[in-house]
Each structure stands twice: as structure tokens, then as C-alpha cells.
Amino acid sequence: MCVQISITPCVGKRFERITSRRLTSFLTLRKFDLDQFAYLQNRSTTQALLVVVEKIKKSLLSGELAGAVLFDFTDAFGSVNRDHLLLKIGRDFGITGRLYLHIASFLKSRFARIKF
């Protein structure tokens, strides 16, 4: 049996929630990728699945070929190069100012450890 315990202080967890909401709001205003479903308000994995099913159904009904390739990125965020992520956040998404500095501060010197 594996038990996961987060030792992030309550204040830190609250700050994460505030940052998440601010970032989500920012990306929504910027009309972030319409095919993105994770971490955005009023979006879910169920909706993402329905979009895929509808696209495949339309293709098959019009006589076209259809297929899907699925990936399971287990712990994908844990393996992301944080410096490249910050570069992309600033350059590609236009996030600057205090929000950018807070995200950069949050990502610096963070690590996770799992014990069994």
C-alpha cells in the first residue's frame, strides 16, 4: 500500500490555489488553445473524449479514414525542464509581471520525494 502525504503548508496550498485561478483566468482571456481541456474552467476529460469521438464519427460518416493515437504521460510535469517551461510561459503565453515572478519562484528549488 502506498500513502502519499503532502507537507505543503496550508498557506502554501492556498497560494497555489490563488495562482492556479489567476493563471486559468489569464489563459481563458487569451483564448488559449481550444483543444486544451486540462486545468481550464468548464473543461473536462469527458468533454475531450467526446470531441475525439465526434471527430472520428464525422470522418467515418463522410467516408474518410479515422484513427486516434493516445498517450499516457504519467508524471509528465515532474519531468519537464522548468527553465524551458518558464521561457515558454513568458514568450509564448505572454505572462509577465508579478504572476510570472510568482510562478518562477514557485518552480525554483522544488522537488518531490516518495517513500514506501
PDB file of N, CA and C in Angstrom:
ATOM      1  N   MET A   1       0.831  -1.163   0.000  1.00  0.00           N
ATOM      2  CA  MET A   1       0.000   0.000   0.000  1.00  0.00           C
ATOM      3  C   MET A   1       0.887   1.241   0.000  1.00  0.00           C
ATOM      4  N   CYS A   2       0.548   2.213  -0.825  1.00  0.00           N
ATOM      5  CA  CYS A   2       1.310   3.446  -0.932  1.00  0.00           C
ATOM      6  C   CYS A   2       0.471   4.590  -0.389  1.00  0.00           C
ATOM      7  N   VAL A   3       1.050   5.356   0.511  1.00  0.00           N
ATOM      8  CA  VAL A   3       0.369   6.508   1.076  1.00  0.00           C
ATOM      9  C   VAL A   3       1.146   7.748   0.681  1.00  0.00           C
ATOM     10  N   GLN A   4       0.447   8.723   0.114  1.00  0.00           N
ATOM     11  CA  GLN A   4       1.104   9.960  -0.286  1.00  0.00           C
ATOM     12  C   GLN A   4       0.671  11.066   0.663  1.00  0.00           C
ATOM     13  N   ILE A   5       1.641  11.762   1.218  1.00  0.00           N
ATOM     14  CA  ILE A   5       1.354  12.843   2.147  1.00  0.00           C
ATOM     15  C   ILE A   5       2.010  14.107   1.619  1.00  0.00           C
ATOM     16  N   SER A   6       1.218  15.163   1.511  1.00  0.00           N
ATOM     17  CA  SER A   6       1.754  16.448   1.093  1.00  0.00           C
ATOM     18  C   SER A   6       2.124  17.240   2.341  1.00  0.00           C
ATOM     19  N   ILE A   7       3.354  17.741   2.374  1.00  0.00           N
ATOM     20  CA  ILE A   7       3.779  18.526   3.532  1.00  0.00           C
ATOM     21  C   ILE A   7       3.797  20.018   3.210  1.00  0.00           C
ATOM     22  N   THR A   8       3.102  20.402   2.143  1.00  0.00           N
ATOM     23  CA  THR A   8       2.982  21.813   1.809  1.00  0.00           C
ATOM     24  C   THR A   8       2.136  22.490   2.881  1.00  0.00           C
ATOM     25  N   PRO A   9       2.621  23.575   3.457  1.00  0.00           N
ATOM     26  CA  PRO A   9       1.837  24.267   4.487  1.00  0.00           C
ATOM     27  C   PRO A   9       0.503  24.770   3.931  1.00  0.00           C
ATOM     28  N   CYS A  10      -0.458  24.968   4.821  1.00  0.00           N
ATOM     29  CA  CYS A  10      -1.793  25.437   4.417  1.00  0.00           C
ATOM     30  C   CYS A  10      -1.713  26.749   3.642  1.00  0.00           C
ATOM     31  N   VAL A  11      -0.859  27.667   4.090  1.00  0.00           N
ATOM     32  CA  VAL A  11      -0.716  28.943   3.391  1.00  0.00           C
ATOM     33  C   VAL A  11      -0.191  28.707   1.975  1.00  0.00           C
ATOM     34  N   GLY A  12       0.763  27.788   1.827  1.00  0.00           N
ATOM     35  CA  GLY A  12       1.302  27.465   0.510  1.00  0.00           C
ATOM     36  C   GLY A  12       0.245  26.874  -0.402  1.00  0.00           C
ATOM     37  N   LYS A  13      -0.578  25.985   0.147  1.00  0.00           N
ATOM     38  CA  LYS A  13      -1.645  25.380  -0.655  1.00  0.00           C
ATOM     39  C   LYS A  13      -2.648  26.444  -1.105  1.00  0.00           C
ATOM     40  N   ARG A  14      -2.959  27.375  -0.225  1.00  0.00           N
ATOM     41  CA  ARG A  14      -3.898  28.451  -0.575  1.00  0.00           C
ATOM     42  C   ARG A  14      -3.304  29.333  -1.661  1.00  0.00           C
ATOM     43  N   PHE A  15      -2.010  29.619  -1.553  1.00  0.00           N
ATOM     44  CA  PHE A  15      -1.322  30.425  -2.562  1.00  0.00           C
ATOM     45  C   PHE A  15      -1.324  29.710  -3.912  1.00  0.00           C
ATOM     46  N   GLU A  16      -1.119  28.391  -3.901  1.00  0.00           N
ATOM     47  CA  GLU A  16      -1.171  27.608  -5.140  1.00  0.00           C
ATOM     48  C   GLU A  16      -2.549  27.730  -5.795  1.00  0.00           C
ATOM     49  N   ARG A  17      -3.591  27.671  -4.989  1.00  0.00           N
ATOM     50  CA  ARG A  17      -4.963  27.767  -5.496  1.00  0.00           C
ATOM     51  C   ARG A  17      -5.227  29.134  -6.128  1.00  0.00           C
ATOM     52  N   ILE A  18      -4.760  30.188  -5.470  1.00  0.00           N
ATOM     53  CA  ILE A  18      -4.922  31.550  -5.991  1.00  0.00           C
ATOM     54  C   ILE A  18      -4.171  31.692  -7.314  1.00  0.00           C
ATOM     55  N   THR A  19      -2.945  31.185  -7.361  1.00  0.00           N
ATOM     56  CA  THR A  19      -2.140  31.253  -8.583  1.00  0.00           C
ATOM     57  C   THR A  19      -2.797  30.469  -9.705  1.00  0.00           C
ATOM     58  N   SER A  20      -3.305  29.296  -9.388  1.00  0.00           N
ATOM     59  CA  SER A  20      -3.978  28.476 -10.394  1.00  0.00           C
ATOM     60  C   SER A  20      -5.175  29.202 -10.987  1.00  0.00           C
ATOM     61  N   ARG A  21      -5.969  29.810 -10.129  1.00  0.00           N
ATOM     62  CA  ARG A  21      -7.144  30.553 -10.616  1.00  0.00           C
ATOM     63  C   ARG A  21      -6.735  31.741 -11.469  1.00  0.00           C
ATOM     64  N   ARG A  22      -5.705  32.453 -11.051  1.00  0.00           N
ATOM     65  CA  ARG A  22      -5.235  33.622 -11.816  1.00  0.00           C
ATOM     66  C   ARG A  22      -4.712  33.189 -13.174  1.00  0.00           C
ATOM     67  N   LEU A  23      -3.942  32.111 -13.203  1.00  0.00           N
ATOM     68  CA  LEU A  23      -3.386  31.602 -14.458  1.00  0.00           C
ATOM     69  C   LEU A  23      -4.492  31.114 -15.385  1.00  0.00           C
ATOM     70  N   THR A  24      -5.461  30.397 -14.837  1.00  0.00           N
ATOM     71  CA  THR A  24      -6.594  29.920 -15.625  1.00  0.00           C
ATOM     72  C   THR A  24      -7.366  31.089 -16.220  1.00  0.00           C
ATOM     73  N   SER A  25      -7.599  32.099 -15.423  1.00  0.00           N
ATOM     74  CA  SER A  25      -8.302  33.295 -15.888  1.00  0.00           C
ATOM     75  C   SER A  25      -7.530  33.965 -17.019  1.00  0.00           C
ATOM     76  N   PHE A  26      -6.233  34.092 -16.855  1.00  0.00           N
ATOM     77  CA  PHE A  26      -5.384  34.710 -17.869  1.00  0.00           C
ATOM     78  C   PHE A  26      -5.457  33.937 -19.182  1.00  0.00           C
ATOM     79  N   LEU A  27      -5.326  32.609 -19.105  1.00  0.00           N
ATOM     80  CA  LEU A  27      -5.343  31.791 -20.319  1.00  0.00           C
ATOM     81  C   LEU A  27      -6.713  31.802 -20.985  1.00  0.00           C
ATOM     82  N   THR A  28      -7.773  31.867 -20.207  1.00  0.00           N
ATOM     83  CA  THR A  28      -9.122  31.939 -20.763  1.00  0.00           C
ATOM     84  C   THR A  28      -9.304  33.245 -21.527  1.00  0.00           C
ATOM     85  N   LEU A  29      -8.850  34.350 -20.968  1.00  0.00           N
ATOM     86  CA  LEU A  29      -8.954  35.646 -21.636  1.00  0.00           C
ATOM     87  C   LEU A  29      -8.159  35.682 -22.936  1.00  0.00           C
ATOM     88  N   ARG A  30      -7.044  34.964 -22.974  1.00  0.00           N
ATOM     89  CA  ARG A  30      -6.192  34.934 -24.167  1.00  0.00           C
ATOM     90  C   ARG A  30      -6.679  33.926 -25.195  1.00  0.00           C
ATOM     91  N   LYS A  31      -7.835  33.329 -24.954  1.00  0.00           N
ATOM     92  CA  LYS A  31      -8.400  32.309 -25.848  1.00  0.00           C
ATOM     93  C   LYS A  31      -7.373  31.204 -26.085  1.00  0.00           C
ATOM     94  N   PHE A  32      -6.854  30.679 -24.982  1.00  0.00           N
ATOM     95  CA  PHE A  32      -5.871  29.597 -25.014  1.00  0.00           C
ATOM     96  C   PHE A  32      -6.383  28.438 -25.851  1.00  0.00           C
ATOM     97  N   ASP A  33      -5.522  27.637 -26.371  1.00  0.00           N
ATOM     98  CA  ASP A  33      -5.797  26.503 -27.249  1.00  0.00           C
ATOM     99  C   ASP A  33      -7.167  25.866 -26.975  1.00  0.00           C
ATOM    100  N   LEU A  34      -8.046  25.907 -27.965  1.00  0.00           N
ATOM    101  CA  LEU A  34      -9.399  25.374 -27.804  1.00  0.00           C
ATOM    102  C   LEU A  34      -9.410  23.861 -27.611  1.00  0.00           C
ATOM    103  N   ASP A  35      -8.343  23.192 -27.983  1.00  0.00           N
ATOM    104  CA  ASP A  35      -8.259  21.745 -27.799  1.00  0.00           C
ATOM    105  C   ASP A  35      -7.644  21.369 -26.459  1.00  0.00           C
ATOM    106  N   GLN A  36      -7.377  22.349 -25.630  1.00  0.00           N
ATOM    107  CA  GLN A  36      -6.848  22.099 -24.289  1.00  0.00           C
ATOM    108  C   GLN A  36      -8.015  21.919 -23.326  1.00  0.00           C
ATOM    109  N   PHE A  37      -8.021  20.837 -22.577  1.00  0.00           N
ATOM    110  CA  PHE A  37      -9.114  20.587 -21.650  1.00  0.00           C
ATOM    111  C   PHE A  37      -8.664  20.539 -20.197  1.00  0.00           C
ATOM    112  N   ALA A  38      -7.443  20.146 -19.960  1.00  0.00           N
ATOM    113  CA  ALA A  38      -6.971  20.025 -18.577  1.00  0.00           C
ATOM    114  C   ALA A  38      -6.739  21.396 -17.962  1.00  0.00           C
ATOM    115  N   TYR A  39      -7.100  21.520 -16.711  1.00  0.00           N
ATOM    116  CA  TYR A  39      -6.810  22.685 -15.885  1.00  0.00           C
ATOM    117  C   TYR A  39      -7.516  23.966 -16.320  1.00  0.00           C
ATOM    118  N   LEU A  40      -8.525  23.881 -17.155  1.00  0.00           N
ATOM    119  CA  LEU A  40      -9.280  25.066 -17.532  1.00  0.00           C
ATOM    120  C   LEU A  40     -10.705  24.952 -17.021  1.00  0.00           C
ATOM    121  N   GLN A  41     -11.299  26.093 -16.683  1.00  0.00           N
ATOM    122  CA  GLN A  41     -12.649  26.093 -16.149  1.00  0.00           C
ATOM    123  C   GLN A  41     -13.631  25.556 -17.193  1.00  0.00           C
ATOM    124  N   ASN A  42     -14.626  24.854 -16.704  1.00  0.00           N
ATOM    125  CA  ASN A  42     -15.694  24.302 -17.547  1.00  0.00           C
ATOM    126  C   ASN A  42     -15.173  23.374 -18.643  1.00  0.00           C
ATOM    127  N   ARG A  43     -14.056  22.742 -18.398  1.00  0.00           N
ATOM    128  CA  ARG A  43     -13.489  21.765 -19.325  1.00  0.00           C
ATOM    129  C   ARG A  43     -13.222  20.490 -18.544  1.00  0.00           C
ATOM    130  N   SER A  44     -13.364  19.337 -19.204  1.00  0.00           N
ATOM    131  CA  SER A  44     -13.137  18.084 -18.502  1.00  0.00           C
ATOM    132  C   SER A  44     -12.600  17.033 -19.457  1.00  0.00           C
ATOM    133  N   THR A  45     -12.113  15.942 -18.898  1.00  0.00           N
ATOM    134  CA  THR A  45     -11.641  14.839 -19.729  1.00  0.00           C
ATOM    135  C   THR A  45     -12.805  14.209 -20.490  1.00  0.00           C
ATOM    136  N   THR A  46     -13.985  14.244 -19.912  1.00  0.00           N
ATOM    137  CA  THR A  46     -15.171  13.722 -20.609  1.00  0.00           C
ATOM    138  C   THR A  46     -15.426  14.525 -21.874  1.00  0.00           C
ATOM    139  N   GLN A  47     -15.333  15.848 -21.792  1.00  0.00           N
ATOM    140  CA  GLN A  47     -15.512  16.684 -22.978  1.00  0.00           C
ATOM    141  C   GLN A  47     -14.439  16.400 -24.023  1.00  0.00           C
ATOM    142  N   ALA A  48     -13.217  16.217 -23.574  1.00  0.00           N
ATOM    143  CA  ALA A  48     -12.129  15.916 -24.510  1.00  0.00           C
ATOM    144  C   ALA A  48     -12.416  14.611 -25.251  1.00  0.00           C
ATOM    145  N   LEU A  49     -12.873  13.612 -24.535  1.00  0.00           N
ATOM    146  CA  LEU A  49     -13.206  12.327 -25.146  1.00  0.00           C
ATOM    147  C   LEU A  49     -14.355  12.477 -26.138  1.00  0.00           C
ATOM    148  N   LEU A  50     -15.355  13.262 -25.787  1.00  0.00           N
ATOM    149  CA  LEU A  50     -16.492  13.484 -26.692  1.00  0.00           C
ATOM    150  C   LEU A  50     -16.057  14.187 -27.981  1.00  0.00           C
ATOM    151  N   VAL A  51     -15.129  15.123 -27.871  1.00  0.00           N
ATOM    152  CA  VAL A  51     -14.618  15.807 -29.068  1.00  0.00           C
ATOM    153  C   VAL A  51     -13.936  14.797 -29.989  1.00  0.00           C
ATOM    154  N   VAL A  52     -13.106  13.929 -29.425  1.00  0.00           N
ATOM    155  CA  VAL A  52     -12.415  12.916 -30.231  1.00  0.00           C
ATOM    156  C   VAL A  52     -13.417  11.976 -30.894  1.00  0.00           C
ATOM    157  N   VAL A  53     -14.386  11.507 -30.138  1.00  0.00           N
ATOM    158  CA  VAL A  53     -15.390  10.591 -30.674  1.00  0.00           C
ATOM    159  C   VAL A  53     -16.170  11.255 -31.812  1.00  0.00           C
ATOM    160  N   GLU A  54     -16.544  12.515 -31.638  1.00  0.00           N
ATOM    161  CA  GLU A  54     -17.303  13.237 -32.675  1.00  0.00           C
ATOM    162  C   GLU A  54     -16.476  13.415 -33.946  1.00  0.00           C
ATOM    163  N   LYS A  55     -15.194  13.742 -33.804  1.00  0.00           N
ATOM    164  CA  LYS A  55     -14.335  13.912 -34.978  1.00  0.00           C
ATOM    165  C   LYS A  55     -14.187  12.598 -35.737  1.00  0.00           C
ATOM    166  N   ILE A  56     -14.008  11.509 -35.006  1.00  0.00           N
ATOM    167  CA  ILE A  56     -13.888  10.199 -35.648  1.00  0.00           C
ATOM    168  C   ILE A  56     -15.211   9.828 -36.320  1.00  0.00           C
ATOM    169  N   LYS A  57     -16.324  10.062 -35.649  1.00  0.00           N
ATOM    170  CA  LYS A  57     -17.639   9.746 -36.204  1.00  0.00           C
ATOM    171  C   LYS A  57     -17.898  10.526 -37.495  1.00  0.00           C
ATOM    172  N   LYS A  58     -17.598  11.826 -37.501  1.00  0.00           N
ATOM    173  CA  LYS A  58     -17.792  12.650 -38.700  1.00  0.00           C
ATOM    174  C   LYS A  58     -16.930  12.142 -39.857  1.00  0.00           C
ATOM    175  N   SER A  59     -15.701  11.789 -39.555  1.00  0.00           N
ATOM    176  CA  SER A  59     -14.813  11.270 -40.603  1.00  0.00           C
ATOM    177  C   SER A  59     -15.343   9.968 -41.181  1.00  0.00           C
ATOM    178  N   LEU A  60     -15.773   9.061 -40.342  1.00  0.00           N
ATOM    179  CA  LEU A  60     -16.285   7.773 -40.810  1.00  0.00           C
ATOM    180  C   LEU A  60     -17.572   7.945 -41.614  1.00  0.00           C
ATOM    181  N   LEU A  61     -18.442   8.843 -41.175  1.00  0.00           N
ATOM    182  CA  LEU A  61     -19.702   9.077 -41.898  1.00  0.00           C
ATOM    183  C   LEU A  61     -19.471   9.716 -43.267  1.00  0.00           C
ATOM    184  N   SER A  62     -18.395  10.474 -43.404  1.00  0.00           N
ATOM    185  CA  SER A  62     -18.092  11.093 -44.698  1.00  0.00           C
ATOM    186  C   SER A  62     -17.177  10.216 -45.552  1.00  0.00           C
ATOM    187  N   GLY A  63     -16.910   8.994 -45.102  1.00  0.00           N
ATOM    188  CA  GLY A  63     -16.124   8.047 -45.882  1.00  0.00           C
ATOM    189  C   GLY A  63     -14.621   8.230 -45.786  1.00  0.00           C
ATOM    190  N   GLU A  64     -14.172   9.041 -44.863  1.00  0.00           N
ATOM    191  CA  GLU A  64     -12.737   9.269 -44.691  1.00  0.00           C
ATOM    192  C   GLU A  64     -12.170   8.267 -43.690  1.00  0.00           C
ATOM    193  N   LEU A  65     -10.855   8.149 -43.693  1.00  0.00           N
ATOM    194  CA  LEU A  65     -10.195   7.317 -42.693  1.00  0.00           C
ATOM    195  C   LEU A  65     -10.160   8.059 -41.363  1.00  0.00           C
ATOM    196  N   ALA A  66     -10.209   7.317 -40.288  1.00  0.00           N
ATOM    197  CA  ALA A  66     -10.163   7.940 -38.966  1.00  0.00           C
ATOM    198  C   ALA A  66      -9.337   7.069 -38.023  1.00  0.00           C
ATOM    199  N   GLY A  67      -8.692   7.709 -37.113  1.00  0.00           N
ATOM    200  CA  GLY A  67      -7.908   6.972 -36.130  1.00  0.00           C
ATOM    201  C   GLY A  67      -7.563   7.874 -34.966  1.00  0.00           C
ATOM    202  N   ALA A  68      -6.990   7.288 -33.955  1.00  0.00           N
ATOM    203  CA  ALA A  68      -6.582   8.049 -32.784  1.00  0.00           C
ATOM    204  C   ALA A  68      -5.305   7.447 -32.218  1.00  0.00           C
ATOM    205  N   VAL A  69      -4.440   8.296 -31.765  1.00  0.00           N
ATOM    206  CA  VAL A  69      -3.230   7.871 -31.076  1.00  0.00           C
ATOM    207  C   VAL A  69      -3.324   8.444 -29.672  1.00  0.00           C
ATOM    208  N   LEU A  70      -3.198   7.594 -28.673  1.00  0.00           N
ATOM    209  CA  LEU A  70      -3.346   8.018 -27.283  1.00  0.00           C
ATOM    210  C   LEU A  70      -2.030   7.842 -26.536  1.00  0.00           C
ATOM    211  N   PHE A  71      -1.718   8.808 -25.698  1.00  0.00           N
ATOM    212  CA  PHE A  71      -0.507   8.769 -24.891  1.00  0.00           C
ATOM    213  C   PHE A  71      -0.885   8.860 -23.423  1.00  0.00           C
ATOM    214  N   ASP A  72      -0.132   8.203 -22.589  1.00  0.00           N
ATOM    215  CA  ASP A  72      -0.314   8.316 -21.152  1.00  0.00           C
ATOM    216  C   ASP A  72       0.973   8.901 -20.585  1.00  0.00           C
ATOM    217  N   PHE A  73       0.945  10.175 -20.287  1.00  0.00           N
ATOM    218  CA  PHE A  73       2.120  10.848 -19.769  1.00  0.00           C
ATOM    219  C   PHE A  73       2.097  10.821 -18.247  1.00  0.00           C
ATOM    220  N   THR A  74       2.423   9.684 -17.686  1.00  0.00           N
ATOM    221  CA  THR A  74       2.455   9.545 -16.240  1.00  0.00           C
ATOM    222  C   THR A  74       3.566  10.427 -15.686  1.00  0.00           C
ATOM    223  N   ASP A  75       3.216  11.252 -14.735  1.00  0.00           N
ATOM    224  CA  ASP A  75       4.148  12.186 -14.100  1.00  0.00           C
ATOM    225  C   ASP A  75       4.860  13.063 -15.115  1.00  0.00           C
ATOM    226  N   ALA A  76       4.125  13.504 -16.141  1.00  0.00           N
ATOM    227  CA  ALA A  76       4.714  14.327 -17.189  1.00  0.00           C
ATOM    228  C   ALA A  76       5.267  15.632 -16.631  1.00  0.00           C
ATOM    229  N   PHE A  77       4.541  16.254 -15.719  1.00  0.00           N
ATOM    230  CA  PHE A  77       5.005  17.539 -15.201  1.00  0.00           C
ATOM    231  C   PHE A  77       6.304  17.401 -14.417  1.00  0.00           C
ATOM    232  N   GLY A  78       6.478  16.297 -13.737  1.00  0.00           N
ATOM    233  CA  GLY A  78       7.688  16.085 -12.953  1.00  0.00           C
ATOM    234  C   GLY A  78       8.948  15.991 -13.796  1.00  0.00           C
ATOM    235  N   SER A  79       8.802  15.676 -15.078  1.00  0.00           N
ATOM    236  CA  SER A  79       9.972  15.534 -15.946  1.00  0.00           C
ATOM    237  C   SER A  79      10.184  16.736 -16.864  1.00  0.00           C
ATOM    238  N   VAL A  80       9.388  17.788 -16.707  1.00  0.00           N
ATOM    239  CA  VAL A  80       9.512  18.979 -17.546  1.00  0.00           C
ATOM    240  C   VAL A  80      10.721  19.801 -17.111  1.00  0.00           C
ATOM    241  N   ASN A  81      11.472  20.302 -18.088  1.00  0.00           N
ATOM    242  CA  ASN A  81      12.575  21.207 -17.797  1.00  0.00           C
ATOM    243  C   ASN A  81      11.967  22.543 -17.367  1.00  0.00           C
ATOM    244  N   ARG A  82      12.141  22.918 -16.133  1.00  0.00           N
ATOM    245  CA  ARG A  82      11.466  24.100 -15.594  1.00  0.00           C
ATOM    246  C   ARG A  82      11.939  25.399 -16.229  1.00  0.00           C
ATOM    247  N   ASP A  83      13.227  25.469 -16.597  1.00  0.00           N
ATOM    248  CA  ASP A  83      13.725  26.682 -17.261  1.00  0.00           C
ATOM    249  C   ASP A  83      13.047  26.870 -18.616  1.00  0.00           C
ATOM    250  N   HIS A  84      12.876  25.773 -19.355  1.00  0.00           N
ATOM    251  CA  HIS A  84      12.186  25.857 -20.646  1.00  0.00           C
ATOM    252  C   HIS A  84      10.710  26.196 -20.455  1.00  0.00           C
ATOM    253  N   LEU A  85      10.110  25.656 -19.412  1.00  0.00           N
ATOM    254  CA  LEU A  85       8.711  25.959 -19.112  1.00  0.00           C
ATOM    255  C   LEU A  85       8.537  27.450 -18.830  1.00  0.00           C
ATOM    256  N   LEU A  86       9.422  28.020 -18.033  1.00  0.00           N
ATOM    257  CA  LEU A  86       9.345  29.449 -17.740  1.00  0.00           C
ATOM    258  C   LEU A  86       9.555  30.296 -18.987  1.00  0.00           C
ATOM    259  N   LEU A  87      10.475  29.874 -19.833  1.00  0.00           N
ATOM    260  CA  LEU A  87      10.697  30.588 -21.095  1.00  0.00           C
ATOM    261  C   LEU A  87       9.425  30.578 -21.936  1.00  0.00           C
ATOM    262  N   LYS A  88       8.801  29.421 -22.042  1.00  0.00           N
ATOM    263  CA  LYS A  88       7.569  29.284 -22.825  1.00  0.00           C
ATOM    264  C   LYS A  88       6.423  30.095 -22.221  1.00  0.00           C
ATOM    265  N   ILE A  89       6.302  30.073 -20.897  1.00  0.00           N
ATOM    266  CA  ILE A  89       5.251  30.838 -20.227  1.00  0.00           C
ATOM    267  C   ILE A  89       5.377  32.320 -20.549  1.00  0.00           C
ATOM    268  N   GLY A  90       6.598  32.836 -20.497  1.00  0.00           N
ATOM    269  CA  GLY A  90       6.816  34.253 -20.778  1.00  0.00           C
ATOM    270  C   GLY A  90       6.727  34.596 -22.248  1.00  0.00           C
ATOM    271  N   ARG A  91       7.401  33.828 -23.077  1.00  0.00           N
ATOM    272  CA  ARG A  91       7.485  34.142 -24.509  1.00  0.00           C
ATOM    273  C   ARG A  91       6.213  33.796 -25.258  1.00  0.00           C
ATOM    274  N   ASP A  92       5.709  32.594 -25.087  1.00  0.00           N
ATOM    275  CA  ASP A  92       4.588  32.125 -25.908  1.00  0.00           C
ATOM    276  C   ASP A  92       3.220  32.507 -25.360  1.00  0.00           C
ATOM    277  N   PHE A  93       3.107  32.625 -24.039  1.00  0.00           N
ATOM    278  CA  PHE A  93       1.806  32.924 -23.456  1.00  0.00           C
ATOM    279  C   PHE A  93       1.693  34.364 -22.979  1.00  0.00           C
ATOM    280  N   GLY A  94       2.802  35.091 -22.994  1.00  0.00           N
ATOM    281  CA  GLY A  94       2.754  36.499 -22.621  1.00  0.00           C
ATOM    282  C   GLY A  94       2.528  36.767 -21.147  1.00  0.00           C
ATOM    283  N   ILE A  95       2.844  35.806 -20.314  1.00  0.00           N
ATOM    284  CA  ILE A  95       2.675  36.007 -18.875  1.00  0.00           C
ATOM    285  C   ILE A  95       3.899  36.743 -18.351  1.00  0.00           C
ATOM    286  N   THR A  96       3.656  37.902 -17.740  1.00  0.00           N
ATOM    287  CA  THR A  96       4.750  38.737 -17.246  1.00  0.00           C
ATOM    288  C   THR A  96       4.390  39.252 -15.860  1.00  0.00           C
ATOM    289  N   GLY A  97       5.216  40.117 -15.351  1.00  0.00           N
ATOM    290  CA  GLY A  97       4.927  40.794 -14.099  1.00  0.00           C
ATOM    291  C   GLY A  97       4.944  39.881 -12.892  1.00  0.00           C
ATOM    292  N   ARG A  98       4.099  40.248 -11.919  1.00  0.00           N
ATOM    293  CA  ARG A  98       4.093  39.516 -10.649  1.00  0.00           C
ATOM    294  C   ARG A  98       3.659  38.060 -10.797  1.00  0.00           C
ATOM    295  N   LEU A  99       2.719  37.795 -11.712  1.00  0.00           N
ATOM    296  CA  LEU A  99       2.293  36.411 -11.915  1.00  0.00           C
ATOM    297  C   LEU A  99       3.462  35.557 -12.398  1.00  0.00           C
ATOM    298  N   TYR A 100       4.226  36.072 -13.367  1.00  0.00           N
ATOM    299  CA  TYR A 100       5.392  35.343 -13.872  1.00  0.00           C
ATOM    300  C   TYR A 100       6.425  35.138 -12.758  1.00  0.00           C
ATOM    301  N   LEU A 101       6.713  36.196 -12.013  1.00  0.00           N
ATOM    302  CA  LEU A 101       7.705  36.096 -10.937  1.00  0.00           C
ATOM    303  C   LEU A 101       7.266  35.100  -9.869  1.00  0.00           C
ATOM    304  N   HIS A 102       5.971  35.078  -9.571  1.00  0.00           N
ATOM    305  CA  HIS A 102       5.471  34.124  -8.584  1.00  0.00           C
ATOM    306  C   HIS A 102       5.613  32.687  -9.094  1.00  0.00           C
ATOM    307  N   ILE A 103       5.259  32.464 -10.355  1.00  0.00           N
ATOM    308  CA  ILE A 103       5.384  31.113 -10.930  1.00  0.00           C
ATOM    309  C   ILE A 103       6.853  30.693 -10.933  1.00  0.00           C
ATOM    310  N   ALA A 104       7.742  31.602 -11.335  1.00  0.00           N
ATOM    311  CA  ALA A 104       9.175  31.293 -11.350  1.00  0.00           C
ATOM    312  C   ALA A 104       9.666  30.949  -9.948  1.00  0.00           C
ATOM    313  N   SER A 105       9.255  31.715  -8.964  1.00  0.00           N
ATOM    314  CA  SER A 105       9.651  31.460  -7.577  1.00  0.00           C
ATOM    315  C   SER A 105       9.116  30.118  -7.101  1.00  0.00           C
ATOM    316  N   PHE A 106       7.879  29.815  -7.477  1.00  0.00           N
ATOM    317  CA  PHE A 106       7.258  28.558  -7.080  1.00  0.00           C
ATOM    318  C   PHE A 106       8.004  27.358  -7.651  1.00  0.00           C
ATOM    319  N   LEU A 107       8.477  27.473  -8.905  1.00  0.00           N
ATOM    320  CA  LEU A 107       9.124  26.340  -9.578  1.00  0.00           C
ATOM    321  C   LEU A 107      10.589  26.157  -9.190  1.00  0.00           C
ATOM    322  N   LYS A 108      11.215  27.175  -8.685  1.00  0.00           N
ATOM    323  CA  LYS A 108      12.636  27.076  -8.333  1.00  0.00           C
ATOM    324  C   LYS A 108      12.821  26.248  -7.067  1.00  0.00           C
ATOM    325  N   SER A 109      13.816  25.413  -7.080  1.00  0.00           N
ATOM    326  CA  SER A 109      14.225  24.617  -5.918  1.00  0.00           C
ATOM    327  C   SER A 109      13.112  23.750  -5.349  1.00  0.00           C
ATOM    328  N   ARG A 110      12.211  23.272  -6.187  1.00  0.00           N
ATOM    329  CA  ARG A 110      11.152  22.376  -5.735  1.00  0.00           C
ATOM    330  C   ARG A 110      11.545  20.950  -6.093  1.00  0.00           C
ATOM    331  N   PHE A 111      11.180  20.032  -5.234  1.00  0.00           N
ATOM    332  CA  PHE A 111      11.399  18.626  -5.553  1.00  0.00           C
ATOM    333  C   PHE A 111      10.354  17.797  -4.829  1.00  0.00           C
ATOM    334  N   ALA A 112      10.199  16.583  -5.287  1.00  0.00           N
ATOM    335  CA  ALA A 112       9.255  15.652  -4.652  1.00  0.00           C
ATOM    336  C   ALA A 112      10.006  14.399  -4.292  1.00  0.00           C
ATOM    337  N   ARG A 113       9.563  13.769  -3.231  1.00  0.00           N
ATOM    338  CA  ARG A 113      10.196  12.526  -2.811  1.00  0.00           C
ATOM    339  C   ARG A 113       9.083  11.560  -2.399  1.00  0.00           C
ATOM    340  N   ILE A 114       9.226  10.334  -2.821  1.00  0.00           N
ATOM    341  CA  ILE A 114       8.238   9.321  -2.466  1.00  0.00           C
ATOM    342  C   ILE A 114       8.945   8.227  -1.680  1.00  0.00           C
ATOM    343  N   LYS A 115       8.377   7.868  -0.544  1.00  0.00           N
ATOM    344  CA  LYS A 115       8.926   6.783   0.272  1.00  0.00           C
ATOM    345  C   LYS A 115       7.875   5.710   0.440  1.00  0.00           C
ATOM    346  N   PHE A 116       8.294   4.496   0.417  1.00  0.00           N
ATOM    347  CA  PHE A 116       7.391   3.361   0.641  1.00  0.00           C
ATOM    348  C   PHE A 116       7.691   2.759   2.000  1.00  0.00           C
TER     349      PHE A 116
END
